[in-house]
Amino acid sequence: MVCFHSHQAAEKILKAVLVRAGISPPFRHSLKVLLSLCPEALRTLGDVAVACAVLDGVFSKTRYPDNPIPTADEVAAAVKAARAIREAARMAGVMV
């Protein structure tokens, strides 16, 4: 559940950034797609793309019961990635 909620938190942050930029967010869960629509200030900051890839990678494991359960390392990486996206949005000035 931690991986799922980490992904959801990042998804909501990116969608809030889009709304603040006057862009209607698509009905998609892919953080890579959402990030591609965000202002350049966020897209090019730090390892945001890497953090999105980490979260997109564990998301499918959390959505479908037949997938393997994420490892403790994946859980820790997911939390770290969600925090990195939140901090990047703040640093880029696209989120308060």
PDB file of N, CA and C in Angstrom:
ATOM      1  N   MET A   1       0.822  -1.202   0.000  1.00  0.00           N
ATOM      2  CA  MET A   1       0.000   0.000   0.000  1.00  0.00           C
ATOM      3  C   MET A   1       0.865   1.264   0.000  1.00  0.00           C
ATOM      4  N   VAL A   2       2.039   1.200   0.593  1.00  0.00           N
ATOM      5  CA  VAL A   2       2.906   2.375   0.641  1.00  0.00           C
ATOM      6  C   VAL A   2       3.308   2.799  -0.772  1.00  0.00           C
ATOM      7  N   CYS A   3       3.638   1.838  -1.624  1.00  0.00           N
ATOM      8  CA  CYS A   3       4.005   2.160  -3.007  1.00  0.00           C
ATOM      9  C   CYS A   3       2.826   2.791  -3.746  1.00  0.00           C
ATOM     10  N   PHE A   4       1.656   2.238  -3.549  1.00  0.00           N
ATOM     11  CA  PHE A   4       0.461   2.780  -4.203  1.00  0.00           C
ATOM     12  C   PHE A   4       0.231   4.225  -3.777  1.00  0.00           C
ATOM     13  N   HIS A   5       0.288   4.473  -2.473  1.00  0.00           N
ATOM     14  CA  HIS A   5       0.013   5.822  -1.975  1.00  0.00           C
ATOM     15  C   HIS A   5       1.131   6.797  -2.346  1.00  0.00           C
ATOM     16  N   SER A   6       2.355   6.325  -2.445  1.00  0.00           N
ATOM     17  CA  SER A   6       3.455   7.184  -2.902  1.00  0.00           C
ATOM     18  C   SER A   6       3.218   7.617  -4.344  1.00  0.00           C
ATOM     19  N   HIS A   7       2.796   6.671  -5.170  1.00  0.00           N
ATOM     20  CA  HIS A   7       2.495   6.993  -6.565  1.00  0.00           C
ATOM     21  C   HIS A   7       1.326   7.964  -6.635  1.00  0.00           C
ATOM     22  N   GLN A   8       0.296   7.711  -5.861  1.00  0.00           N
ATOM     23  CA  GLN A   8      -0.883   8.586  -5.874  1.00  0.00           C
ATOM     24  C   GLN A   8      -0.523   9.998  -5.432  1.00  0.00           C
ATOM     25  N   ALA A   9       0.322  10.118  -4.423  1.00  0.00           N
ATOM     26  CA  ALA A   9       0.742  11.442  -3.956  1.00  0.00           C
ATOM     27  C   ALA A   9       1.470  12.186  -5.068  1.00  0.00           C
ATOM     28  N   ALA A  10       2.390  11.499  -5.737  1.00  0.00           N
ATOM     29  CA  ALA A  10       3.131  12.124  -6.835  1.00  0.00           C
ATOM     30  C   ALA A  10       2.197  12.486  -7.981  1.00  0.00           C
ATOM     31  N   GLU A  11       1.263  11.607  -8.277  1.00  0.00           N
ATOM     32  CA  GLU A  11       0.300  11.872  -9.352  1.00  0.00           C
ATOM     33  C   GLU A  11      -0.510  13.123  -9.042  1.00  0.00           C
ATOM     34  N   LYS A  12      -0.961  13.251  -7.810  1.00  0.00           N
ATOM     35  CA  LYS A  12      -1.763  14.420  -7.424  1.00  0.00           C
ATOM     36  C   LYS A  12      -0.922  15.692  -7.466  1.00  0.00           C
ATOM     37  N   ILE A  13       0.343  15.603  -7.077  1.00  0.00           N
ATOM     38  CA  ILE A  13       1.229  16.773  -7.140  1.00  0.00           C
ATOM     39  C   ILE A  13       1.378  17.231  -8.583  1.00  0.00           C
ATOM     40  N   LEU A  14       1.673  16.291  -9.484  1.00  0.00           N
ATOM     41  CA  LEU A  14       1.861  16.656 -10.889  1.00  0.00           C
ATOM     42  C   LEU A  14       0.571  17.198 -11.502  1.00  0.00           C
ATOM     43  N   LYS A  15      -0.552  16.618 -11.146  1.00  0.00           N
ATOM     44  CA  LYS A  15      -1.826  17.118 -11.665  1.00  0.00           C
ATOM     45  C   LYS A  15      -2.137  18.511 -11.102  1.00  0.00           C
ATOM     46  N   ALA A  16      -1.769  18.772  -9.854  1.00  0.00           N
ATOM     47  CA  ALA A  16      -1.959  20.107  -9.278  1.00  0.00           C
ATOM     48  C   ALA A  16      -1.077  21.127  -9.988  1.00  0.00           C
ATOM     49  N   VAL A  17       0.143  20.724 -10.322  1.00  0.00           N
ATOM     50  CA  VAL A  17       1.045  21.603 -11.079  1.00  0.00           C
ATOM     51  C   VAL A  17       0.417  21.944 -12.429  1.00  0.00           C
ATOM     52  N   LEU A  18      -0.159  20.957 -13.084  1.00  0.00           N
ATOM     53  CA  LEU A  18      -0.801  21.193 -14.376  1.00  0.00           C
ATOM     54  C   LEU A  18      -1.979  22.152 -14.241  1.00  0.00           C
ATOM     55  N   VAL A  19      -2.816  21.933 -13.248  1.00  0.00           N
ATOM     56  CA  VAL A  19      -3.971  22.809 -13.032  1.00  0.00           C
ATOM     57  C   VAL A  19      -3.499  24.233 -12.761  1.00  0.00           C
ATOM     58  N   ARG A  20      -2.474  24.361 -11.945  1.00  0.00           N
ATOM     59  CA  ARG A  20      -1.945  25.699 -11.635  1.00  0.00           C
ATOM     60  C   ARG A  20      -1.397  26.376 -12.891  1.00  0.00           C
ATOM     61  N   ALA A  21      -0.892  25.583 -13.836  1.00  0.00           N
ATOM     62  CA  ALA A  21      -0.357  26.125 -15.088  1.00  0.00           C
ATOM     63  C   ALA A  21      -1.461  26.347 -16.127  1.00  0.00           C
ATOM     64  N   GLY A  22      -2.717  26.057 -15.751  1.00  0.00           N
ATOM     65  CA  GLY A  22      -3.833  26.261 -16.650  1.00  0.00           C
ATOM     66  C   GLY A  22      -4.034  25.132 -17.651  1.00  0.00           C
ATOM     67  N   ILE A  23      -3.488  23.960 -17.334  1.00  0.00           N
ATOM     68  CA  ILE A  23      -3.593  22.790 -18.207  1.00  0.00           C
ATOM     69  C   ILE A  23      -4.512  21.772 -17.553  1.00  0.00           C
ATOM     70  N   SER A  24      -5.497  21.301 -18.299  1.00  0.00           N
ATOM     71  CA  SER A  24      -6.374  20.245 -17.775  1.00  0.00           C
ATOM     72  C   SER A  24      -5.592  18.928 -17.757  1.00  0.00           C
ATOM     73  N   PRO A  25      -5.451  18.318 -16.595  1.00  0.00           N
ATOM     74  CA  PRO A  25      -4.697  17.065 -16.543  1.00  0.00           C
ATOM     75  C   PRO A  25      -5.462  15.933 -17.230  1.00  0.00           C
ATOM     76  N   PRO A  26      -4.745  15.074 -17.921  1.00  0.00           N
ATOM     77  CA  PRO A  26      -5.409  13.945 -18.574  1.00  0.00           C
ATOM     78  C   PRO A  26      -5.798  12.888 -17.548  1.00  0.00           C
ATOM     79  N   PHE A  27      -6.707  12.019 -17.936  1.00  0.00           N
ATOM     80  CA  PHE A  27      -7.106  10.907 -17.078  1.00  0.00           C
ATOM     81  C   PHE A  27      -6.123   9.766 -17.293  1.00  0.00           C
ATOM     82  N   ARG A  28      -4.911   9.968 -16.813  1.00  0.00           N
ATOM     83  CA  ARG A  28      -3.831   8.991 -16.960  1.00  0.00           C
ATOM     84  C   ARG A  28      -3.133   8.836 -15.624  1.00  0.00           C
ATOM     85  N   HIS A  29      -2.555   7.663 -15.416  1.00  0.00           N
ATOM     86  CA  HIS A  29      -1.801   7.422 -14.187  1.00  0.00           C
ATOM     87  C   HIS A  29      -0.300   7.502 -14.415  1.00  0.00           C
ATOM     88  N   SER A  30       0.141   7.536 -15.661  1.00  0.00           N
ATOM     89  CA  SER A  30       1.566   7.555 -15.972  1.00  0.00           C
ATOM     90  C   SER A  30       2.197   8.877 -15.546  1.00  0.00           C
ATOM     91  N   LEU A  31       3.112   8.795 -14.596  1.00  0.00           N
ATOM     92  CA  LEU A  31       3.795  10.002 -14.142  1.00  0.00           C
ATOM     93  C   LEU A  31       4.686  10.554 -15.240  1.00  0.00           C
ATOM     94  N   LYS A  32       5.224   9.682 -16.073  1.00  0.00           N
ATOM     95  CA  LYS A  32       6.049  10.122 -17.195  1.00  0.00           C
ATOM     96  C   LYS A  32       5.231  11.017 -18.132  1.00  0.00           C
ATOM     97  N   VAL A  33       4.015  10.603 -18.424  1.00  0.00           N
ATOM     98  CA  VAL A  33       3.136  11.397 -19.294  1.00  0.00           C
ATOM     99  C   VAL A  33       2.780  12.715 -18.617  1.00  0.00           C
ATOM    100  N   LEU A  34       2.417  12.661 -17.354  1.00  0.00           N
ATOM    101  CA  LEU A  34       2.058  13.884 -16.632  1.00  0.00           C
ATOM    102  C   LEU A  34       3.230  14.858 -16.574  1.00  0.00           C
ATOM    103  N   LEU A  35       4.410  14.335 -16.282  1.00  0.00           N
ATOM    104  CA  LEU A  35       5.590  15.192 -16.206  1.00  0.00           C
ATOM    105  C   LEU A  35       5.875  15.855 -17.543  1.00  0.00           C
ATOM    106  N   SER A  36       5.648  15.143 -18.629  1.00  0.00           N
ATOM    107  CA  SER A  36       5.927  15.709 -19.953  1.00  0.00           C
ATOM    108  C   SER A  36       5.051  16.922 -20.250  1.00  0.00           C
ATOM    109  N   LEU A  37       3.936  17.053 -19.566  1.00  0.00           N
ATOM    110  CA  LEU A  37       3.021  18.178 -19.763  1.00  0.00           C
ATOM    111  C   LEU A  37       3.300  19.342 -18.813  1.00  0.00           C
ATOM    112  N   CYS A  38       4.124  19.095 -17.809  1.00  0.00           N
ATOM    113  CA  CYS A  38       4.423  20.105 -16.792  1.00  0.00           C
ATOM    114  C   CYS A  38       5.363  21.174 -17.333  1.00  0.00           C
ATOM    115  N   PRO A  39       5.394  22.328 -16.652  1.00  0.00           N
ATOM    116  CA  PRO A  39       6.315  23.389 -17.054  1.00  0.00           C
ATOM    117  C   PRO A  39       7.769  22.899 -17.055  1.00  0.00           C
ATOM    118  N   GLU A  40       8.555  23.479 -17.949  1.00  0.00           N
ATOM    119  CA  GLU A  40       9.949  23.072 -18.102  1.00  0.00           C
ATOM    120  C   GLU A  40      10.728  23.203 -16.800  1.00  0.00           C
ATOM    121  N   ALA A  41      10.378  24.181 -15.999  1.00  0.00           N
ATOM    122  CA  ALA A  41      11.087  24.391 -14.737  1.00  0.00           C
ATOM    123  C   ALA A  41      11.069  23.135 -13.871  1.00  0.00           C
ATOM    124  N   LEU A  42       9.999  22.386 -13.928  1.00  0.00           N
ATOM    125  CA  LEU A  42       9.902  21.151 -13.153  1.00  0.00           C
ATOM    126  C   LEU A  42      10.524  19.978 -13.903  1.00  0.00           C
ATOM    127  N   ARG A  43      10.256  19.887 -15.194  1.00  0.00           N
ATOM    128  CA  ARG A  43      10.748  18.751 -15.991  1.00  0.00           C
ATOM    129  C   ARG A  43      12.263  18.628 -15.964  1.00  0.00           C
ATOM    130  N   THR A  44      12.943  19.756 -15.888  1.00  0.00           N
ATOM    131  CA  THR A  44      14.398  19.743 -15.990  1.00  0.00           C
ATOM    132  C   THR A  44      15.101  19.812 -14.641  1.00  0.00           C
ATOM    133  N   LEU A  45      14.357  19.793 -13.581  1.00  0.00           N
ATOM    134  CA  LEU A  45      14.945  19.942 -12.255  1.00  0.00           C
ATOM    135  C   LEU A  45      15.336  18.602 -11.659  1.00  0.00           C
ATOM    136  N   GLY A  46      16.597  18.449 -11.340  1.00  0.00           N
ATOM    137  CA  GLY A  46      17.080  17.268 -10.630  1.00  0.00           C
ATOM    138  C   GLY A  46      16.719  15.958 -11.295  1.00  0.00           C
ATOM    139  N   ASP A  47      16.370  15.010 -10.463  1.00  0.00           N
ATOM    140  CA  ASP A  47      16.057  13.662 -10.926  1.00  0.00           C
ATOM    141  C   ASP A  47      14.558  13.392 -10.923  1.00  0.00           C
ATOM    142  N   VAL A  48      13.777  14.392 -11.286  1.00  0.00           N
ATOM    143  CA  VAL A  48      12.319  14.231 -11.271  1.00  0.00           C
ATOM    144  C   VAL A  48      11.888  13.117 -12.221  1.00  0.00           C
ATOM    145  N   ALA A  49      12.489  13.067 -13.397  1.00  0.00           N
ATOM    146  CA  ALA A  49      12.127  12.020 -14.364  1.00  0.00           C
ATOM    147  C   ALA A  49      12.464  10.639 -13.825  1.00  0.00           C
ATOM    148  N   VAL A  50      13.588  10.533 -13.139  1.00  0.00           N
ATOM    149  CA  VAL A  50      13.983   9.252 -12.542  1.00  0.00           C
ATOM    150  C   VAL A  50      12.997   8.861 -11.448  1.00  0.00           C
ATOM    151  N   ALA A  51      12.611   9.828 -10.619  1.00  0.00           N
ATOM    152  CA  ALA A  51      11.651   9.561  -9.544  1.00  0.00           C
ATOM    153  C   ALA A  51      10.316   9.097 -10.125  1.00  0.00           C
ATOM    154  N   CYS A  52       9.889   9.721 -11.219  1.00  0.00           N
ATOM    155  CA  CYS A  52       8.643   9.306 -11.876  1.00  0.00           C
ATOM    156  C   CYS A  52       8.761   7.881 -12.401  1.00  0.00           C
ATOM    157  N   ALA A  53       9.909   7.547 -12.964  1.00  0.00           N
ATOM    158  CA  ALA A  53      10.122   6.198 -13.486  1.00  0.00           C
ATOM    159  C   ALA A  53      10.092   5.158 -12.364  1.00  0.00           C
ATOM    160  N   VAL A  54      10.674   5.491 -11.231  1.00  0.00           N
ATOM    161  CA  VAL A  54      10.660   4.577 -10.078  1.00  0.00           C
ATOM    162  C   VAL A  54       9.221   4.303  -9.658  1.00  0.00           C
ATOM    163  N   LEU A  55       8.441   5.353  -9.527  1.00  0.00           N
ATOM    164  CA  LEU A  55       7.052   5.191  -9.080  1.00  0.00           C
ATOM    165  C   LEU A  55       6.182   4.500 -10.122  1.00  0.00           C
ATOM    166  N   ASP A  56       6.386   4.832 -11.389  1.00  0.00           N
ATOM    167  CA  ASP A  56       5.637   4.129 -12.437  1.00  0.00           C
ATOM    168  C   ASP A  56       5.990   2.644 -12.437  1.00  0.00           C
ATOM    169  N   GLY A  57       7.239   2.327 -12.114  1.00  0.00           N
ATOM    170  CA  GLY A  57       7.682   0.931 -12.091  1.00  0.00           C
ATOM    171  C   GLY A  57       7.032   0.089 -11.011  1.00  0.00           C
ATOM    172  N   VAL A  58       6.755   0.686  -9.870  1.00  0.00           N
ATOM    173  CA  VAL A  58       6.138  -0.088  -8.782  1.00  0.00           C
ATOM    174  C   VAL A  58       4.614   0.002  -8.798  1.00  0.00           C
ATOM    175  N   PHE A  59       4.084   0.943  -9.583  1.00  0.00           N
ATOM    176  CA  PHE A  59       2.635   1.158  -9.580  1.00  0.00           C
ATOM    177  C   PHE A  59       1.877  -0.087 -10.019  1.00  0.00           C
ATOM    178  N   SER A  60       2.335  -0.742 -11.074  1.00  0.00           N
ATOM    179  CA  SER A  60       1.592  -1.921 -11.554  1.00  0.00           C
ATOM    180  C   SER A  60       1.590  -3.037 -10.518  1.00  0.00           C
ATOM    181  N   LYS A  61       2.645  -3.115  -9.722  1.00  0.00           N
ATOM    182  CA  LYS A  61       2.688  -4.140  -8.672  1.00  0.00           C
ATOM    183  C   LYS A  61       1.629  -3.893  -7.608  1.00  0.00           C
ATOM    184  N   THR A  62       1.223  -2.654  -7.460  1.00  0.00           N
ATOM    185  CA  THR A  62       0.256  -2.326  -6.415  1.00  0.00           C
ATOM    186  C   THR A  62      -1.173  -2.366  -6.910  1.00  0.00           C
ATOM    187  N   ARG A  63      -1.374  -2.333  -8.208  1.00  0.00           N
ATOM    188  CA  ARG A  63      -2.735  -2.284  -8.763  1.00  0.00           C
ATOM    189  C   ARG A  63      -3.341  -3.649  -9.028  1.00  0.00           C
ATOM    190  N   TYR A  64      -2.516  -4.622  -9.286  1.00  0.00           N
ATOM    191  CA  TYR A  64      -3.025  -5.920  -9.714  1.00  0.00           C
ATOM    192  C   TYR A  64      -2.573  -6.999  -8.736  1.00  0.00           C
ATOM    193  N   PRO A  65      -3.498  -7.743  -8.166  1.00  0.00           N
ATOM    194  CA  PRO A  65      -3.180  -8.683  -7.093  1.00  0.00           C
ATOM    195  C   PRO A  65      -2.265  -9.846  -7.500  1.00  0.00           C
ATOM    196  N   ASP A  66      -2.211 -10.186  -8.774  1.00  0.00           N
ATOM    197  CA  ASP A  66      -1.368 -11.299  -9.195  1.00  0.00           C
ATOM    198  C   ASP A  66       0.099 -10.913  -9.365  1.00  0.00           C
ATOM    199  N   ASN A  67       0.399  -9.624  -9.307  1.00  0.00           N
ATOM    200  CA  ASN A  67       1.786  -9.180  -9.435  1.00  0.00           C
ATOM    201  C   ASN A  67       2.550  -9.428  -8.139  1.00  0.00           C
ATOM    202  N   PRO A  68       3.866  -9.556  -8.238  1.00  0.00           N
ATOM    203  CA  PRO A  68       4.653  -9.755  -7.011  1.00  0.00           C
ATOM    204  C   PRO A  68       4.566  -8.539  -6.096  1.00  0.00           C
ATOM    205  N   ILE A  69       4.634  -8.792  -4.826  1.00  0.00           N
ATOM    206  CA  ILE A  69       4.598  -7.723  -3.825  1.00  0.00           C
ATOM    207  C   ILE A  69       5.914  -6.950  -3.882  1.00  0.00           C
ATOM    208  N   PRO A  70       5.862  -5.620  -3.831  1.00  0.00           N
ATOM    209  CA  PRO A  70       7.101  -4.844  -3.840  1.00  0.00           C
ATOM    210  C   PRO A  70       7.999  -5.215  -2.654  1.00  0.00           C
ATOM    211  N   THR A  71       9.291  -5.161  -2.906  1.00  0.00           N
ATOM    212  CA  THR A  71      10.267  -5.464  -1.853  1.00  0.00           C
ATOM    213  C   THR A  71      10.395  -4.270  -0.914  1.00  0.00           C
ATOM    214  N   ALA A  72      11.053  -4.475   0.206  1.00  0.00           N
ATOM    215  CA  ALA A  72      11.291  -3.381   1.153  1.00  0.00           C
ATOM    216  C   ALA A  72      12.105  -2.277   0.494  1.00  0.00           C
ATOM    217  N   ASP A  73      13.058  -2.651  -0.346  1.00  0.00           N
ATOM    218  CA  ASP A  73      13.860  -1.645  -1.056  1.00  0.00           C
ATOM    219  C   ASP A  73      13.002  -0.835  -2.022  1.00  0.00           C
ATOM    220  N   GLU A  74      12.070  -1.500  -2.707  1.00  0.00           N
ATOM    221  CA  GLU A  74      11.169  -0.792  -3.616  1.00  0.00           C
ATOM    222  C   GLU A  74      10.254   0.153  -2.856  1.00  0.00           C
ATOM    223  N   VAL A  75       9.805  -0.258  -1.688  1.00  0.00           N
ATOM    224  CA  VAL A  75       8.951   0.596  -0.865  1.00  0.00           C
ATOM    225  C   VAL A  75       9.722   1.850  -0.440  1.00  0.00           C
ATOM    226  N   ALA A  76      10.951   1.660   0.030  1.00  0.00           N
ATOM    227  CA  ALA A  76      11.766   2.800   0.445  1.00  0.00           C
ATOM    228  C   ALA A  76      12.050   3.727  -0.732  1.00  0.00           C
ATOM    229  N   ALA A  77      12.321   3.153  -1.897  1.00  0.00           N
ATOM    230  CA  ALA A  77      12.591   3.957  -3.089  1.00  0.00           C
ATOM    231  C   ALA A  77      11.355   4.737  -3.521  1.00  0.00           C
ATOM    232  N   ALA A  78      10.178   4.136  -3.365  1.00  0.00           N
ATOM    233  CA  ALA A  78       8.934   4.803  -3.738  1.00  0.00           C
ATOM    234  C   ALA A  78       8.680   6.027  -2.855  1.00  0.00           C
ATOM    235  N   VAL A  79       8.880   5.875  -1.572  1.00  0.00           N
ATOM    236  CA  VAL A  79       8.685   6.996  -0.643  1.00  0.00           C
ATOM    237  C   VAL A  79       9.691   8.106  -0.962  1.00  0.00           C
ATOM    238  N   LYS A  80      10.934   7.732  -1.179  1.00  0.00           N
ATOM    239  CA  LYS A  80      11.979   8.705  -1.514  1.00  0.00           C
ATOM    240  C   LYS A  80      11.639   9.426  -2.819  1.00  0.00           C
ATOM    241  N   ALA A  81      11.145   8.704  -3.805  1.00  0.00           N
ATOM    242  CA  ALA A  81      10.799   9.291  -5.096  1.00  0.00           C
ATOM    243  C   ALA A  81       9.649  10.286  -4.963  1.00  0.00           C
ATOM    244  N   ALA A  82       8.622   9.915  -4.201  1.00  0.00           N
ATOM    245  CA  ALA A  82       7.481  10.823  -4.007  1.00  0.00           C
ATOM    246  C   ALA A  82       7.933  12.106  -3.309  1.00  0.00           C
ATOM    247  N   ARG A  83       8.794  11.968  -2.331  1.00  0.00           N
ATOM    248  CA  ARG A  83       9.308  13.156  -1.634  1.00  0.00           C
ATOM    249  C   ARG A  83      10.145  14.016  -2.578  1.00  0.00           C
ATOM    250  N   ALA A  84      10.919  13.379  -3.447  1.00  0.00           N
ATOM    251  CA  ALA A  84      11.752  14.122  -4.405  1.00  0.00           C
ATOM    252  C   ALA A  84      10.882  14.922  -5.374  1.00  0.00           C
ATOM    253  N   ILE A  85       9.785  14.340  -5.811  1.00  0.00           N
ATOM    254  CA  ILE A  85       8.874  15.049  -6.720  1.00  0.00           C
ATOM    255  C   ILE A  85       8.230  16.232  -6.014  1.00  0.00           C
ATOM    256  N   ARG A  86       7.810  16.021  -4.781  1.00  0.00           N
ATOM    257  CA  ARG A  86       7.215  17.118  -4.008  1.00  0.00           C
ATOM    258  C   ARG A  86       8.225  18.250  -3.823  1.00  0.00           C
ATOM    259  N   GLU A  87       9.441  17.908  -3.449  1.00  0.00           N
ATOM    260  CA  GLU A  87      10.470  18.930  -3.219  1.00  0.00           C
ATOM    261  C   GLU A  87      10.828  19.643  -4.524  1.00  0.00           C
ATOM    262  N   ALA A  88      10.919  18.920  -5.612  1.00  0.00           N
ATOM    263  CA  ALA A  88      11.234  19.533  -6.902  1.00  0.00           C
ATOM    264  C   ALA A  88      10.153  20.515  -7.316  1.00  0.00           C
ATOM    265  N   ALA A  89       8.894  20.156  -7.089  1.00  0.00           N
ATOM    266  CA  ALA A  89       7.790  21.060  -7.422  1.00  0.00           C
ATOM    267  C   ALA A  89       7.876  22.335  -6.606  1.00  0.00           C
ATOM    268  N   ARG A  90       8.281  22.213  -5.372  1.00  0.00           N
ATOM    269  CA  ARG A  90       8.445  23.406  -4.527  1.00  0.00           C
ATOM    270  C   ARG A  90       9.628  24.248  -5.006  1.00  0.00           C
ATOM    271  N   MET A  91      10.745  23.587  -5.293  1.00  0.00           N
ATOM    272  CA  MET A  91      11.943  24.300  -5.733  1.00  0.00           C
ATOM    273  C   MET A  91      11.731  24.995  -7.082  1.00  0.00           C
ATOM    274  N   ALA A  92      10.972  24.378  -7.950  1.00  0.00           N
ATOM    275  CA  ALA A  92      10.713  24.955  -9.275  1.00  0.00           C
ATOM    276  C   ALA A  92       9.715  26.109  -9.198  1.00  0.00           C
ATOM    277  N   GLY A  93       9.107  26.283  -8.029  1.00  0.00           N
ATOM    278  CA  GLY A  93       8.139  27.353  -7.865  1.00  0.00           C
ATOM    279  C   GLY A  93       6.803  27.100  -8.507  1.00  0.00           C
ATOM    280  N   VAL A  94       6.525  25.828  -8.793  1.00  0.00           N
ATOM    281  CA  VAL A  94       5.250  25.483  -9.430  1.00  0.00           C
ATOM    282  C   VAL A  94       4.245  24.914  -8.439  1.00  0.00           C
ATOM    283  N   MET A  95       4.658  24.857  -7.161  1.00  0.00           N
ATOM    284  CA  MET A  95       3.773  24.360  -6.115  1.00  0.00           C
ATOM    285  C   MET A  95       4.197  25.015  -4.799  1.00  0.00           C
ATOM    286  N   VAL A  96       3.235  25.380  -4.012  1.00  0.00           N
ATOM    287  CA  VAL A  96       3.528  26.001  -2.716  1.00  0.00           C
ATOM    288  C   VAL A  96       3.665  24.941  -1.665  1.00  0.00           C
TER     289      VAL A  96
END
